[in-house]
Amino acid sequence: MHSEMDAVSAFILFFGGAVLLLAVYFVPYFVASSKEHPQTQAIFVCNLLLGWTFLGWAVALIWACINTEAHEQK
């Protein structure tokens, strides 16, 4: 019985960690979506394809954080 509990605990820990990592991985998309960024889909694709490199993830996050309202007023 002890080994069954260890297996269940390991599965829960693995699944929870995977969900947490996916949530962190897609932070740029969540930021862009919450700000209603006009290029949210492009940010999602950039994050999906290049987010595994830290540079691609950072670029997507910076892109998502750009204030688009200031650019639209000019």
Protein backbone atom coordinates (compact mmCIF):
# COMPACT_ATOMS: atom_id res chain seq x y z
CA MET A 1 0.00 0.00 0.00
CA HIS A 2 2.87 2.34 0.73
CA SER A 3 4.20 2.01 -2.83
CA GLU A 4 0.74 2.79 -4.26
CA MET A 5 0.63 6.04 -2.31
CA ASP A 6 4.10 6.90 -3.56
CA ALA A 7 3.01 6.31 -7.15
CA VAL A 8 -0.11 8.43 -6.73
CA SER A 9 1.86 11.20 -5.04
CA ALA A 10 4.47 11.12 -7.80
CA PHE A 11 1.77 11.33 -10.47
CA ILE A 12 0.06 14.27 -8.75
CA LEU A 13 3.38 16.05 -8.31
CA PHE A 14 4.34 15.45 -11.94
CA PHE A 15 0.95 16.54 -13.30
CA GLY A 16 0.84 19.63 -11.07
CA GLY A 17 4.37 20.59 -12.08
CA ALA A 18 3.55 20.16 -15.76
CA VAL A 19 0.48 22.39 -15.45
CA LEU A 20 2.51 25.02 -13.59
CA LEU A 21 5.27 24.97 -16.22
CA LEU A 22 2.73 25.35 -19.04
CA ALA A 23 1.12 28.28 -17.25
CA VAL A 24 4.49 30.01 -16.87
CA TYR A 25 5.42 29.19 -20.46
CA PHE A 26 2.32 30.96 -21.80
CA VAL A 27 2.53 34.06 -19.58
CA PRO A 28 3.28 36.30 -22.63
CA TYR A 29 0.08 35.11 -24.31
CA PHE A 30 -1.96 35.62 -21.13
CA VAL A 31 -0.58 39.16 -20.76
CA ALA A 32 -1.35 40.03 -24.39
CA SER A 33 -4.83 38.55 -24.14
CA SER A 34 -5.65 40.38 -20.92
CA LYS A 35 -4.48 43.70 -22.40
CA GLU A 36 -6.46 43.00 -25.61
CA HIS A 37 -3.27 43.47 -27.60
CA PRO A 38 -4.03 43.80 -31.33
CA GLN A 39 -1.35 41.21 -32.16
CA THR A 40 -2.30 38.59 -29.58
CA GLN A 41 -2.36 35.77 -32.14
CA ALA A 42 1.12 36.62 -33.42
CA ILE A 43 2.41 36.75 -29.85
CA PHE A 44 0.87 33.34 -29.21
CA VAL A 45 2.58 31.86 -32.28
CA CYS A 46 5.92 33.44 -31.35
CA ASN A 47 5.58 32.13 -27.81
CA LEU A 48 4.52 28.66 -28.99
CA LEU A 49 7.34 28.24 -31.50
CA LEU A 50 10.18 30.19 -29.89
CA GLY A 51 9.23 30.31 -26.23
CA TRP A 52 11.32 27.24 -25.44
CA THR A 53 14.36 29.47 -25.91
CA PHE A 54 14.57 32.03 -23.18
CA LEU A 55 15.19 34.75 -25.78
CA GLY A 56 11.99 33.91 -27.69
CA TRP A 57 10.00 33.86 -24.45
CA ALA A 58 11.45 37.23 -23.38
CA VAL A 59 10.72 38.79 -26.79
CA ALA A 60 7.12 37.56 -26.66
CA LEU A 61 6.71 38.94 -23.13
CA ILE A 62 8.15 42.34 -24.03
CA TRP A 63 6.00 42.45 -27.17
CA ALA A 64 2.92 41.63 -25.11
CA CYS A 65 3.72 44.39 -22.62
CA ILE A 66 4.11 47.16 -25.22
CA ASN A 67 1.53 49.87 -24.67
CA THR A 68 -0.45 49.85 -27.93
CA GLU A 69 -2.77 52.70 -26.94
CA ALA A 70 0.08 55.23 -27.07
CA HIS A 71 0.99 54.08 -30.58
CA GLU A 72 -2.63 54.28 -31.77
CA GLN A 73 -3.04 57.89 -30.62
CA LYS A 74 -0.17 59.17 -32.81
